[in-house]
């Protein structure tokens, strides 16, 4: 008789994600410092999770460079310099921690290096579908501007930046899509977005879309630089 492969249920996935998040956040926060050795069974008992759930979460942490696993020495926390800094999971955990404003500023510096260049390239490489998608995303942002801290505005903002990076034609830039998404999601999740969208930010998003449509790479890059600078200033003005 042919065996039926086991399927991972949504509930099992949720448990795995919850355990992974809790462990990841503890490591990122420094609650479990680098060099400390742990036993998976101890984590399972503390978190009320099965050994299998903890083992799967540890595998992910190992793949992210956050822990090393040895048969006799157990689990050892690795220094943050070994972590995959661009991994969306690590970005998310850092944005949930006490140092989230520092992380946002560092991510703004990354965006300042990447997104204007992506906008400049997109002005040359974006096809009609991508240009239309940028325009539609901006229009949705305007439509939901009175709830800039809500899910609909966030979805439109994420769609705009994801489309821009992919439209650049540079696979390295496109590979940062998930990182930029975590930045945008993190700002909303941590209640760092205003109730009403900033008019200047909306205008700048429109300028990027229009510049790409008319194939003006320099104008697209300037507007994108202004978007990132404005977002960083807004974050830096928040109390620590």
C-alpha atoms as a PDB file:
ATOM      1  CA  UNK A   1       0.000   0.000   0.000  1.00  0.00           C
ATOM      2  CA  UNK A   2       1.362   3.397  -0.965  1.00  0.00           C
ATOM      3  CA  UNK A   3       1.869   5.662   2.009  1.00  0.00           C
ATOM      4  CA  UNK A   4       0.236   9.063   1.922  1.00  0.00           C
ATOM      5  CA  UNK A   5       2.690  11.896   2.596  1.00  0.00           C
ATOM      6  CA  UNK A   6       1.948  13.909   5.709  1.00  0.00           C
ATOM      7  CA  UNK A   7       0.761  17.417   5.086  1.00  0.00           C
ATOM      8  CA  UNK A   8       1.715  20.372   7.200  1.00  0.00           C
ATOM      9  CA  UNK A   9      -1.491  21.864   8.524  1.00  0.00           C
ATOM     10  CA  UNK A  10      -2.027  25.633   8.853  1.00  0.00           C
ATOM     11  CA  UNK A  11      -2.122  25.176  12.631  1.00  0.00           C
ATOM     12  CA  UNK A  12       1.258  23.417  12.592  1.00  0.00           C
ATOM     13  CA  UNK A  13       2.742  26.178  10.443  1.00  0.00           C
ATOM     14  CA  UNK A  14       1.412  28.797  12.856  1.00  0.00           C
ATOM     15  CA  UNK A  15       2.947  27.009  15.848  1.00  0.00           C
ATOM     16  CA  UNK A  16       6.286  26.744  14.025  1.00  0.00           C
ATOM     17  CA  UNK A  17       6.231  30.440  13.112  1.00  0.00           C
ATOM     18  CA  UNK A  18       5.324  31.427  16.672  1.00  0.00           C
ATOM     19  CA  UNK A  19       8.170  29.387  18.173  1.00  0.00           C
ATOM     20  CA  UNK A  20      10.603  30.725  15.573  1.00  0.00           C
ATOM     21  CA  UNK A  21       9.571  34.329  16.256  1.00  0.00           C
ATOM     22  CA  UNK A  22       9.902  33.946  20.010  1.00  0.00           C
ATOM     23  CA  UNK A  23      13.343  32.380  19.777  1.00  0.00           C
ATOM     24  CA  UNK A  24      14.527  34.834  17.133  1.00  0.00           C
ATOM     25  CA  UNK A  25      13.353  37.850  19.101  1.00  0.00           C
ATOM     26  CA  UNK A  26      15.120  36.603  22.231  1.00  0.00           C
ATOM     27  CA  UNK A  27      18.405  36.235  20.397  1.00  0.00           C
ATOM     28  CA  UNK A  28      18.143  39.574  18.594  1.00  0.00           C
ATOM     29  CA  UNK A  29      17.276  41.408  21.821  1.00  0.00           C
ATOM     30  CA  UNK A  30      20.362  40.018  23.541  1.00  0.00           C
ATOM     31  CA  UNK A  31      18.258  38.188  26.093  1.00  0.00           C
ATOM     32  CA  UNK A  32      20.201  35.119  24.989  1.00  0.00           C
ATOM     33  CA  UNK A  33      23.738  36.477  24.411  1.00  0.00           C
ATOM     34  CA  UNK A  34      26.315  35.328  21.895  1.00  0.00           C
ATOM     35  CA  UNK A  35      28.340  32.356  23.049  1.00  0.00           C
ATOM     36  CA  UNK A  36      25.666  30.986  25.344  1.00  0.00           C
ATOM     37  CA  UNK A  37      24.924  27.302  24.958  1.00  0.00           C
ATOM     38  CA  UNK A  38      21.391  26.003  25.089  1.00  0.00           C
ATOM     39  CA  UNK A  39      19.579  22.700  24.914  1.00  0.00           C
ATOM     40  CA  UNK A  40      16.600  22.335  22.585  1.00  0.00           C
ATOM     41  CA  UNK A  41      14.681  20.376  25.207  1.00  0.00           C
ATOM     42  CA  UNK A  42      15.014  23.256  27.668  1.00  0.00           C
ATOM     43  CA  UNK A  43      13.607  25.700  25.133  1.00  0.00           C
ATOM     44  CA  UNK A  44      10.744  23.339  24.389  1.00  0.00           C
ATOM     45  CA  UNK A  45       9.849  23.040  28.060  1.00  0.00           C
ATOM     46  CA  UNK A  46      10.032  26.789  28.612  1.00  0.00           C
ATOM     47  CA  UNK A  47       7.941  27.608  25.536  1.00  0.00           C
ATOM     48  CA  UNK A  48       5.516  24.727  25.952  1.00  0.00           C
ATOM     49  CA  UNK A  49       6.441  23.401  22.514  1.00  0.00           C
ATOM     50  CA  UNK A  50       7.206  19.948  21.204  1.00  0.00           C
ATOM     51  CA  UNK A  51      10.758  18.892  20.468  1.00  0.00           C
ATOM     52  CA  UNK A  52       9.875  18.699  16.792  1.00  0.00           C
ATOM     53  CA  UNK A  53       8.631  22.304  16.721  1.00  0.00           C
ATOM     54  CA  UNK A  54      11.731  23.572  18.496  1.00  0.00           C
ATOM     55  CA  UNK A  55      14.021  21.474  16.297  1.00  0.00           C
ATOM     56  CA  UNK A  56      12.463  22.930  13.137  1.00  0.00           C
ATOM     57  CA  UNK A  57      12.794  26.473  14.479  1.00  0.00           C
ATOM     58  CA  UNK A  58      16.436  25.860  15.383  1.00  0.00           C
ATOM     59  CA  UNK A  59      17.114  24.665  11.828  1.00  0.00           C
ATOM     60  CA  UNK A  60      15.850  27.998  10.517  1.00  0.00           C
ATOM     61  CA  UNK A  61      17.929  29.935  13.046  1.00  0.00           C
ATOM     62  CA  UNK A  62      20.965  27.916  11.983  1.00  0.00           C
ATOM     63  CA  UNK A  63      20.306  28.708   8.316  1.00  0.00           C
ATOM     64  CA  UNK A  64      20.198  32.408   9.255  1.00  0.00           C
ATOM     65  CA  UNK A  65      23.612  32.165  10.898  1.00  0.00           C
ATOM     66  CA  UNK A  66      22.196  32.915  14.351  1.00  0.00           C
ATOM     67  CA  UNK A  67      23.087  29.613  16.020  1.00  0.00           C
ATOM     68  CA  UNK A  68      25.444  26.712  15.489  1.00  0.00           C
ATOM     69  CA  UNK A  69      24.386  23.183  16.351  1.00  0.00           C
ATOM     70  CA  UNK A  70      26.785  20.453  17.449  1.00  0.00           C
ATOM     71  CA  UNK A  71      25.895  16.946  18.569  1.00  0.00           C
ATOM     72  CA  UNK A  72      27.676  17.132  21.926  1.00  0.00           C
ATOM     73  CA  UNK A  73      27.733  20.841  22.703  1.00  0.00           C
ATOM     74  CA  UNK A  74      24.132  21.567  21.752  1.00  0.00           C
ATOM     75  CA  UNK A  75      23.042  24.959  20.439  1.00  0.00           C
ATOM     76  CA  UNK A  76      25.416  27.914  20.610  1.00  0.00           C
ATOM     77  CA  UNK A  77      24.338  31.490  19.916  1.00  0.00           C
ATOM     78  CA  UNK A  78      26.554  33.075  17.272  1.00  0.00           C
ATOM     79  CA  UNK A  79      27.622  36.761  17.294  1.00  0.00           C
ATOM     80  CA  UNK A  80      25.457  39.176  15.326  1.00  0.00           C
ATOM     81  CA  UNK A  81      28.283  39.710  12.828  1.00  0.00           C
ATOM     82  CA  UNK A  82      27.631  36.153  11.603  1.00  0.00           C
ATOM     83  CA  UNK A  83      23.919  36.691  11.008  1.00  0.00           C
ATOM     84  CA  UNK A  84      22.330  37.114   7.587  1.00  0.00           C
ATOM     85  CA  UNK A  85      21.519  40.782   8.111  1.00  0.00           C
ATOM     86  CA  UNK A  86      19.316  41.017   4.995  1.00  0.00           C
ATOM     87  CA  UNK A  87      17.135  38.059   5.963  1.00  0.00           C
ATOM     88  CA  UNK A  88      13.538  39.324   6.276  1.00  0.00           C
ATOM     89  CA  UNK A  89      13.096  37.388   9.528  1.00  0.00           C
ATOM     90  CA  UNK A  90      16.058  39.118  11.187  1.00  0.00           C
ATOM     91  CA  UNK A  91      14.946  42.511   9.924  1.00  0.00           C
ATOM     92  CA  UNK A  92      11.481  41.868  11.359  1.00  0.00           C
ATOM     93  CA  UNK A  93      12.807  40.770  14.755  1.00  0.00           C
ATOM     94  CA  UNK A  94      15.099  43.782  14.980  1.00  0.00           C
ATOM     95  CA  UNK A  95      12.240  46.126  14.163  1.00  0.00           C
ATOM     96  CA  UNK A  96      10.252  44.621  17.039  1.00  0.00           C
ATOM     97  CA  UNK A  97      13.079  45.199  19.519  1.00  0.00           C
ATOM     98  CA  UNK A  98      14.205  48.136  21.611  1.00  0.00           C
ATOM     99  CA  UNK A  99      16.698  49.201  18.934  1.00  0.00           C
ATOM    100  CA  UNK A 100      14.104  49.468  16.171  1.00  0.00           C
ATOM    101  CA  UNK A 101      14.770  53.153  15.432  1.00  0.00           C
ATOM    102  CA  UNK A 102      18.475  52.462  14.919  1.00  0.00           C
ATOM    103  CA  UNK A 103      17.564  49.546  12.659  1.00  0.00           C
ATOM    104  CA  UNK A 104      15.153  51.727  10.685  1.00  0.00           C
ATOM    105  CA  UNK A 105      17.867  54.349  10.199  1.00  0.00           C
ATOM    106  CA  UNK A 106      20.341  51.727   8.968  1.00  0.00           C
ATOM    107  CA  UNK A 107      17.710  50.361   6.608  1.00  0.00           C
ATOM    108  CA  UNK A 108      17.047  53.906   5.370  1.00  0.00           C
ATOM    109  CA  UNK A 109      20.736  54.161   4.501  1.00  0.00           C
ATOM    110  CA  UNK A 110      20.439  50.891   2.576  1.00  0.00           C
ATOM    111  CA  UNK A 111      17.348  52.160   0.777  1.00  0.00           C
ATOM    112  CA  UNK A 112      19.120  55.427  -0.079  1.00  0.00           C
ATOM    113  CA  UNK A 113      21.856  53.435  -1.799  1.00  0.00           C
ATOM    114  CA  UNK A 114      19.508  51.104  -3.671  1.00  0.00           C
ATOM    115  CA  UNK A 115      16.099  52.575  -4.454  1.00  0.00           C
ATOM    116  CA  UNK A 116      17.185  55.739  -6.314  1.00  0.00           C
ATOM    117  CA  UNK A 117      19.435  53.590  -8.514  1.00  0.00           C
ATOM    118  CA  UNK A 118      16.541  51.177  -9.051  1.00  0.00           C
ATOM    119  CA  UNK A 119      14.278  54.075 -10.025  1.00  0.00           C
ATOM    120  CA  UNK A 120      16.868  55.350 -12.505  1.00  0.00           C
ATOM    121  CA  UNK A 121      17.144  51.913 -14.100  1.00  0.00           C
ATOM    122  CA  UNK A 122      13.379  51.377 -14.123  1.00  0.00           C
ATOM    123  CA  UNK A 123      12.975  54.521 -16.198  1.00  0.00           C
ATOM    124  CA  UNK A 124      14.858  52.705 -18.956  1.00  0.00           C
ATOM    125  CA  UNK A 125      13.725  49.127 -18.441  1.00  0.00           C
ATOM    126  CA  UNK A 126      10.164  49.179 -17.050  1.00  0.00           C
ATOM    127  CA  UNK A 127       7.570  47.849 -19.462  1.00  0.00           C
ATOM    128  CA  UNK A 128       4.007  49.050 -19.818  1.00  0.00           C
ATOM    129  CA  UNK A 129       2.711  46.603 -17.221  1.00  0.00           C
ATOM    130  CA  UNK A 130       5.196  47.790 -14.602  1.00  0.00           C
ATOM    131  CA  UNK A 131       4.534  51.464 -15.335  1.00  0.00           C
ATOM    132  CA  UNK A 132       0.795  50.883 -15.020  1.00  0.00           C
ATOM    133  CA  UNK A 133       1.316  48.977 -11.760  1.00  0.00           C
ATOM    134  CA  UNK A 134       3.322  51.854 -10.294  1.00  0.00           C
ATOM    135  CA  UNK A 135       0.610  54.324 -11.223  1.00  0.00           C
ATOM    136  CA  UNK A 136      -2.117  52.097  -9.791  1.00  0.00           C
ATOM    137  CA  UNK A 137      -0.201  51.640  -6.535  1.00  0.00           C
ATOM    138  CA  UNK A 138       0.200  55.391  -6.117  1.00  0.00           C
ATOM    139  CA  UNK A 139      -3.495  55.916  -6.821  1.00  0.00           C
ATOM    140  CA  UNK A 140      -4.369  53.366  -4.135  1.00  0.00           C
ATOM    141  CA  UNK A 141      -2.080  55.177  -1.697  1.00  0.00           C
ATOM    142  CA  UNK A 142      -3.931  58.415  -2.419  1.00  0.00           C
ATOM    143  CA  UNK A 143      -7.291  56.673  -2.026  1.00  0.00           C
ATOM    144  CA  UNK A 144      -6.341  55.379   1.423  1.00  0.00           C
ATOM    145  CA  UNK A 145      -4.320  58.426   2.506  1.00  0.00           C
ATOM    146  CA  UNK A 146      -6.662  59.132   5.415  1.00  0.00           C
ATOM    147  CA  UNK A 147      -5.654  55.781   6.923  1.00  0.00           C
ATOM    148  CA  UNK A 148      -1.916  55.752   6.276  1.00  0.00           C
ATOM    149  CA  UNK A 149      -1.464  53.489   9.285  1.00  0.00           C
ATOM    150  CA  UNK A 150      -3.924  50.946   7.903  1.00  0.00           C
ATOM    151  CA  UNK A 151      -3.605  47.726   5.916  1.00  0.00           C
ATOM    152  CA  UNK A 152      -4.852  49.079   2.564  1.00  0.00           C
ATOM    153  CA  UNK A 153      -2.362  51.961   2.460  1.00  0.00           C
ATOM    154  CA  UNK A 154       0.436  49.626   3.535  1.00  0.00           C
ATOM    155  CA  UNK A 155      -0.429  47.105   0.812  1.00  0.00           C
ATOM    156  CA  UNK A 156      -0.318  49.837  -1.843  1.00  0.00           C
ATOM    157  CA  UNK A 157       2.990  51.202  -0.532  1.00  0.00           C
ATOM    158  CA  UNK A 158       4.542  47.724  -0.500  1.00  0.00           C
ATOM    159  CA  UNK A 159       3.273  47.102  -4.035  1.00  0.00           C
ATOM    160  CA  UNK A 160       4.817  50.371  -5.254  1.00  0.00           C
ATOM    161  CA  UNK A 161       8.291  49.645  -3.905  1.00  0.00           C
ATOM    162  CA  UNK A 162       8.231  45.972  -4.901  1.00  0.00           C
ATOM    163  CA  UNK A 163       7.246  46.908  -8.452  1.00  0.00           C
ATOM    164  CA  UNK A 164       9.989  49.531  -8.598  1.00  0.00           C
ATOM    165  CA  UNK A 165      12.735  47.137  -7.510  1.00  0.00           C
ATOM    166  CA  UNK A 166      11.634  44.411  -9.913  1.00  0.00           C
ATOM    167  CA  UNK A 167      11.175  46.865 -12.777  1.00  0.00           C
ATOM    168  CA  UNK A 168      14.812  47.936 -12.439  1.00  0.00           C
ATOM    169  CA  UNK A 169      15.870  44.795 -14.293  1.00  0.00           C
ATOM    170  CA  UNK A 170      18.595  44.229 -11.692  1.00  0.00           C
ATOM    171  CA  UNK A 171      18.161  40.871  -9.959  1.00  0.00           C
ATOM    172  CA  UNK A 172      20.209  42.026  -6.949  1.00  0.00           C
ATOM    173  CA  UNK A 173      17.853  44.949  -6.375  1.00  0.00           C
ATOM    174  CA  UNK A 174      14.831  42.717  -6.904  1.00  0.00           C
ATOM    175  CA  UNK A 175      16.270  40.355  -4.301  1.00  0.00           C
ATOM    176  CA  UNK A 176      15.901  43.092  -1.675  1.00  0.00           C
ATOM    177  CA  UNK A 177      12.137  43.289  -2.167  1.00  0.00           C
ATOM    178  CA  UNK A 178      11.362  41.251   0.956  1.00  0.00           C
ATOM    179  CA  UNK A 179      13.716  43.396   3.059  1.00  0.00           C
ATOM    180  CA  UNK A 180      12.065  46.636   1.946  1.00  0.00           C
ATOM    181  CA  UNK A 181       8.659  45.081   2.579  1.00  0.00           C
ATOM    182  CA  UNK A 182       9.677  44.274   6.161  1.00  0.00           C
ATOM    183  CA  UNK A 183      10.717  47.917   6.634  1.00  0.00           C
ATOM    184  CA  UNK A 184       7.335  49.182   5.464  1.00  0.00           C
ATOM    185  CA  UNK A 185       5.401  46.552   7.415  1.00  0.00           C
ATOM    186  CA  UNK A 186       7.520  47.191  10.509  1.00  0.00           C
ATOM    187  CA  UNK A 187       6.758  50.916  10.503  1.00  0.00           C
ATOM    188  CA  UNK A 188       3.043  50.166  10.515  1.00  0.00           C
ATOM    189  CA  UNK A 189       3.278  47.252  12.946  1.00  0.00           C
ATOM    190  CA  UNK A 190       5.252  49.372  15.428  1.00  0.00           C
ATOM    191  CA  UNK A 191       2.746  52.239  15.068  1.00  0.00           C
ATOM    192  CA  UNK A 192       5.327  54.591  13.572  1.00  0.00           C
ATOM    193  CA  UNK A 193       3.061  55.702  10.715  1.00  0.00           C
ATOM    194  CA  UNK A 194       0.793  58.751  10.996  1.00  0.00           C
ATOM    195  CA  UNK A 195      -2.970  58.494  10.751  1.00  0.00           C
ATOM    196  CA  UNK A 196      -2.957  60.623   7.588  1.00  0.00           C
ATOM    197  CA  UNK A 197      -0.362  60.252   4.857  1.00  0.00           C
ATOM    198  CA  UNK A 198       2.126  63.070   4.411  1.00  0.00           C
ATOM    199  CA  UNK A 199       1.195  65.076   1.309  1.00  0.00           C
ATOM    200  CA  UNK A 200       4.828  65.512   0.337  1.00  0.00           C
ATOM    201  CA  UNK A 201       5.421  61.759   0.474  1.00  0.00           C
ATOM    202  CA  UNK A 202       2.408  61.114  -1.756  1.00  0.00           C
ATOM    203  CA  UNK A 203       3.532  63.750  -4.248  1.00  0.00           C
ATOM    204  CA  UNK A 204       7.018  62.254  -4.382  1.00  0.00           C
ATOM    205  CA  UNK A 205       5.641  58.768  -5.073  1.00  0.00           C
ATOM    206  CA  UNK A 206       3.610  60.281  -7.914  1.00  0.00           C
ATOM    207  CA  UNK A 207       6.736  62.010  -9.244  1.00  0.00           C
ATOM    208  CA  UNK A 208       8.641  58.718  -9.301  1.00  0.00           C
ATOM    209  CA  UNK A 209       5.851  56.997 -11.218  1.00  0.00           C
ATOM    210  CA  UNK A 210       5.485  59.875 -13.685  1.00  0.00           C
ATOM    211  CA  UNK A 211       9.252  60.145 -14.236  1.00  0.00           C
ATOM    212  CA  UNK A 212       9.514  56.422 -14.980  1.00  0.00           C
ATOM    213  CA  UNK A 213       6.592  56.670 -17.392  1.00  0.00           C
ATOM    214  CA  UNK A 214       8.302  59.454 -19.353  1.00  0.00           C
ATOM    215  CA  UNK A 215      11.679  57.665 -19.175  1.00  0.00           C
ATOM    216  CA  UNK A 216      13.360  60.378 -17.080  1.00  0.00           C
ATOM    217  CA  UNK A 217      15.817  58.414 -14.966  1.00  0.00           C
ATOM    218  CA  UNK A 218      17.400  61.367 -13.173  1.00  0.00           C
ATOM    219  CA  UNK A 219      14.033  62.780 -12.101  1.00  0.00           C
ATOM    220  CA  UNK A 220      12.946  59.349 -10.879  1.00  0.00           C
ATOM    221  CA  UNK A 221      16.145  58.962  -8.848  1.00  0.00           C
ATOM    222  CA  UNK A 222      15.821  62.443  -7.305  1.00  0.00           C
ATOM    223  CA  UNK A 223      12.237  61.849  -6.242  1.00  0.00           C
ATOM    224  CA  UNK A 224      13.098  58.429  -4.834  1.00  0.00           C
ATOM    225  CA  UNK A 225      15.992  59.906  -2.851  1.00  0.00           C
ATOM    226  CA  UNK A 226      13.606  62.474  -1.412  1.00  0.00           C
ATOM    227  CA  UNK A 227      11.149  59.717  -0.406  1.00  0.00           C
ATOM    228  CA  UNK A 228      13.803  57.826   1.538  1.00  0.00           C
ATOM    229  CA  UNK A 229      15.185  61.002   3.139  1.00  0.00           C
ATOM    230  CA  UNK A 230      11.704  62.104   4.207  1.00  0.00           C
ATOM    231  CA  UNK A 231      10.948  58.705   5.733  1.00  0.00           C
ATOM    232  CA  UNK A 232      14.246  58.693   7.628  1.00  0.00           C
ATOM    233  CA  UNK A 233      13.676  62.205   8.999  1.00  0.00           C
ATOM    234  CA  UNK A 234      10.225  61.175  10.197  1.00  0.00           C
ATOM    235  CA  UNK A 235      11.668  58.171  12.038  1.00  0.00           C
ATOM    236  CA  UNK A 236      14.539  60.157  13.570  1.00  0.00           C
ATOM    237  CA  UNK A 237      12.066  62.719  14.941  1.00  0.00           C
ATOM    238  CA  UNK A 238      10.323  60.037  16.999  1.00  0.00           C
ATOM    239  CA  UNK A 239      11.180  59.702  20.711  1.00  0.00           C
ATOM    240  CA  UNK A 240      13.463  56.792  21.555  1.00  0.00           C
END
